[in-house]
Protein backbone atom coordinates (compact mmCIF):
# COMPACT_ATOMS: atom_id res chain seq x y z
CA MET A 1 1.55 25.42 4.66
CA ILE A 2 4.23 22.95 4.26
CA ALA A 3 6.66 23.75 1.43
CA TYR A 4 7.88 20.21 0.77
CA THR A 5 7.30 18.38 -2.49
CA ALA A 6 6.57 14.68 -2.98
CA LYS A 7 10.18 14.18 -3.83
CA ASP A 8 11.31 15.47 -0.53
CA LEU A 9 9.19 13.05 1.57
CA MET A 10 9.03 10.05 -0.86
CA ILE A 11 10.63 6.60 -0.05
CA PRO A 12 13.08 6.16 -2.95
CA PHE A 13 12.41 3.06 -5.14
CA SER A 14 15.86 1.63 -4.16
CA GLU A 15 14.43 1.36 -0.55
CA CYS A 16 11.17 -0.13 -1.32
CA VAL A 17 10.07 -3.74 -1.30
CA THR A 18 9.87 -4.81 -5.04
CA VAL A 19 9.09 -8.19 -6.75
CA SER A 20 8.82 -9.28 -10.34
CA GLU A 21 5.22 -9.44 -11.74
CA ASP A 22 6.05 -13.09 -12.61
CA ALA A 23 6.84 -14.02 -8.95
CA SER A 24 4.23 -16.19 -7.14
CA LEU A 25 2.18 -14.69 -4.24
CA TYR A 26 4.25 -16.76 -1.95
CA GLU A 27 7.57 -15.32 -3.23
CA ALA A 28 6.02 -11.83 -2.84
CA MET A 29 5.00 -12.50 0.80
CA ARG A 30 8.51 -13.94 1.65
CA THR A 31 10.09 -10.86 -0.05
CA LEU A 32 7.97 -8.43 2.25
CA ASP A 33 8.61 -10.56 5.31
CA ALA A 34 12.39 -10.55 4.72
CA PHE A 35 12.52 -6.81 4.09
CA ARG A 36 10.55 -6.10 7.12
CA ALA A 37 12.66 -8.39 9.24
CA GLY A 38 15.75 -6.64 8.32
CA GLY A 39 14.40 -3.54 9.98
CA ASP A 40 13.89 -0.23 8.40
CA HIS A 41 14.45 3.17 9.75
CA TYR A 42 11.04 4.50 8.85
CA ASP A 43 8.45 5.24 11.47
CA TYR A 44 5.93 2.93 9.95
CA ARG A 45 6.81 -0.32 8.38
CA LEU A 46 6.28 -0.88 4.56
CA ARG A 47 3.24 -2.61 3.74
CA VAL A 48 3.20 -2.39 -0.05
CA ILE A 49 5.16 -4.26 -2.57
CA LEU A 50 6.04 -2.43 -5.76
CA VAL A 51 5.84 -4.69 -8.83
CA TYR A 52 8.22 -4.41 -11.87
CA ASP A 53 8.19 -5.90 -15.39
CA GLN A 54 10.98 -7.48 -17.41
CA THR A 55 12.50 -4.10 -18.04
CA PHE A 56 12.40 -3.31 -14.38
CA SER A 57 9.89 -0.62 -14.86
CA ILE A 58 7.26 -0.24 -12.09
CA VAL A 59 3.96 -1.54 -13.32
CA GLY A 60 2.01 -1.69 -10.34
CA TRP A 61 1.74 -2.74 -6.53
CA LEU A 62 0.46 -5.36 -4.21
CA ARG A 63 -1.05 -4.65 -0.80
CA GLN A 64 -1.87 -6.96 1.94
CA PRO A 65 -5.71 -6.91 1.34
CA GLN A 66 -5.07 -8.02 -2.36
CA VAL A 67 -3.11 -10.99 -1.04
CA LEU A 68 -5.66 -11.96 1.33
CA ARG A 69 -8.43 -11.65 -1.35
CA ALA A 70 -6.35 -13.72 -3.76
CA LEU A 71 -5.80 -16.41 -1.04
CA GLU A 72 -9.55 -16.77 -0.77
CA PRO A 73 -10.89 -16.89 -4.24
CA LYS A 74 -14.53 -16.86 -3.41
CA TYR A 75 -14.21 -13.00 -2.67
CA ARG A 76 -14.45 -12.78 -6.54
CA GLU A 77 -18.19 -13.74 -6.11
CA ILE A 78 -18.66 -10.79 -3.57
CA ALA A 79 -18.83 -7.11 -4.20
CA ILE A 80 -16.15 -5.50 -2.07
CA GLY A 81 -17.71 -3.51 0.67
CA LEU A 82 -20.75 -3.77 2.80
CA PRO A 83 -24.17 -2.84 1.39
CA GLU A 84 -26.01 -0.17 3.12
CA VAL A 85 -27.03 -1.61 6.56
CA ASP A 86 -28.08 -0.32 9.84
CA PRO A 87 -24.92 0.14 12.04
CA CYS A 88 -26.65 -2.02 14.74
CA THR A 89 -26.88 -4.95 12.21
CA ARG A 90 -23.49 -4.45 10.60
CA LEU A 91 -21.66 -7.39 12.35
CA ALA A 92 -24.51 -9.81 11.65
CA ALA A 93 -24.51 -8.81 7.92
CA LEU A 94 -20.54 -9.50 7.91
CA GLN A 95 -21.19 -12.96 9.37
CA GLU A 96 -24.00 -13.67 6.95
CA ILE A 97 -21.64 -12.94 3.98
CA MET A 98 -19.01 -15.09 5.35
CA GLU A 99 -21.38 -18.01 6.02
CA LYS A 100 -23.28 -17.66 2.75
CA HIS A 101 -20.10 -17.68 0.70
CA ASP A 102 -18.34 -20.39 2.85
CA LEU A 103 -15.25 -18.07 3.24
CA TRP A 104 -11.96 -19.20 4.70
CA ASN A 105 -13.22 -22.72 5.28
CA GLU A 106 -10.16 -24.54 3.64
CA SER A 107 -7.22 -26.15 5.29
CA ILE A 108 -3.97 -23.91 5.64
CA GLU A 109 -2.23 -26.42 3.29
CA THR A 110 -4.75 -25.69 0.43
CA ILE A 111 -4.18 -22.05 1.14
CA ALA A 112 -0.44 -22.46 1.09
CA LEU A 113 -0.48 -24.25 -2.20
CA ARG A 114 -2.62 -21.59 -3.78
CA ALA A 115 0.10 -18.94 -2.57
CA ARG A 116 2.55 -20.84 -4.77
CA GLU A 117 0.22 -21.12 -7.85
CA ILE A 118 -0.94 -17.49 -7.99
CA LEU A 119 1.20 -15.09 -9.91
CA VAL A 120 1.65 -11.49 -8.67
CA LYS A 121 0.77 -10.12 -12.02
CA ASP A 122 -2.80 -11.81 -11.85
CA VAL A 123 -3.68 -10.03 -8.48
CA MET A 124 -1.53 -6.74 -8.41
CA SER A 125 -3.12 -3.36 -8.89
CA ARG A 126 -2.07 -1.14 -11.67
CA PRO A 127 -2.30 2.47 -10.41
CA ASN A 128 -4.88 4.76 -11.78
CA GLU A 129 -3.85 8.36 -12.61
CA ASP A 130 -5.21 9.69 -9.25
CA GLU A 131 -2.71 7.33 -7.57
CA ILE A 132 0.21 8.79 -9.36
CA ILE A 133 1.84 12.32 -8.63
CA SER A 134 4.62 14.23 -9.94
CA GLU A 135 7.82 14.33 -7.93
CA ASP A 136 7.29 18.23 -7.77
CA THR A 137 3.67 18.11 -6.33
CA PRO A 138 3.41 19.91 -3.21
CA VAL A 139 2.76 17.48 -0.25
CA MET A 140 -0.32 19.35 0.78
CA GLU A 141 -1.84 18.60 -2.73
CA ALA A 142 -0.80 15.08 -2.27
CA ALA A 143 -2.47 14.92 1.14
CA HIS A 144 -5.58 16.24 -0.52
CA ARG A 145 -5.45 13.52 -3.08
CA MET A 146 -4.84 10.79 -0.60
CA LEU A 147 -7.73 11.95 1.57
CA MET A 148 -10.31 12.39 -1.27
CA GLY A 149 -9.31 9.14 -3.04
CA ASN A 150 -9.01 7.13 0.29
CA HIS A 151 -5.22 6.24 -0.69
CA LEU A 152 -2.63 5.28 1.83
CA SER A 153 0.15 6.09 -0.68
CA LEU A 154 0.80 7.32 -4.07
CA LEU A 155 3.40 6.43 -6.62
CA VAL A 156 5.75 9.32 -7.54
CA ARG A 157 6.37 9.94 -11.22
CA GLY A 158 9.70 11.54 -12.17
CA ARG A 159 11.27 12.43 -15.46
CA THR A 160 12.13 8.76 -16.16
CA GLY A 161 9.70 6.44 -14.45
CA PHE A 162 8.81 6.16 -10.84
CA PRO A 163 11.50 6.99 -8.49
CA GLY A 164 9.62 6.31 -5.27
CA ILE A 165 6.42 6.15 -3.19
CA LEU A 166 4.75 8.69 -0.90
CA ARG A 167 3.03 7.32 1.98
CA LEU A 168 0.33 9.01 4.06
CA SER A 169 2.27 8.00 7.22
CA ASP A 170 5.30 10.00 6.06
CA LEU A 171 3.25 12.98 5.18
CA TYR A 172 1.55 12.91 8.44
CA SER A 173 4.98 12.76 10.11
CA ALA A 174 6.34 15.76 8.34
CA LEU A 175 3.10 17.69 9.24
CA ASN A 176 3.32 16.70 12.73
CA ASN A 177 6.91 17.87 12.80
CA GLU A 178 6.00 21.34 11.48
CA ILE A 179 3.11 21.76 13.97
CA HIS A 180 5.43 20.58 16.81
CA SER A 181 8.12 23.48 15.60
CA CYS A 182 5.46 25.94 15.57
CA PHE A 183 5.00 25.37 19.38
CA THR A 184 8.43 24.63 20.41
CA GLY A 185 10.82 26.17 17.83
CA LYS A 186 12.31 22.81 17.42
CA ARG A 187 11.76 20.01 15.02
CA ALA A 188 10.63 16.76 16.39
CA HIS A 189 12.30 13.47 14.89
CA ALA A 190 9.97 12.46 12.30
CA GLY A 191 12.03 10.12 10.32
CA GLN A 192 12.00 12.66 7.62
CA ARG A 193 14.09 12.22 4.56
CA ARG A 194 15.03 15.63 3.24
């Protein structure tokens, strides 16, 4: 069992993409693009934007699926997920939903204007308790919570707010590194922050 805690593997808040809750969706998208273009030293590029309020406290996050849903407001009419369908007819069911709701049938100019009008605070997610872990949580417990809750990352709670985020990709890299060292006696480079 890996002896690391969430604090050992998390990405510190200072190295995360952040944006104000009062920013537009377009500003958030540009912020993420600029951060990613600058190149980071992690194995997997960040895909989540942490959202802060006027006191610079983390109040939520914004992920790519939320951005896409916000840019096509007709998704509000649709229950997310596909109803129980035969796997053989799944593709046809997806196509039917797209046609029935006339999804993504606007000009790119209309979508672009919408990105400037939508505020981050109106489409961001506020983390549930099962998406928040203590910085002292063993990473294998964090893995369990990610797998059972189908989360790609968890916010890490410290003594004074949220010092960072723990991603499944970083946890996987640490586990991969430990397994590799069991067979070779050497640790593989895993971009581990320890």
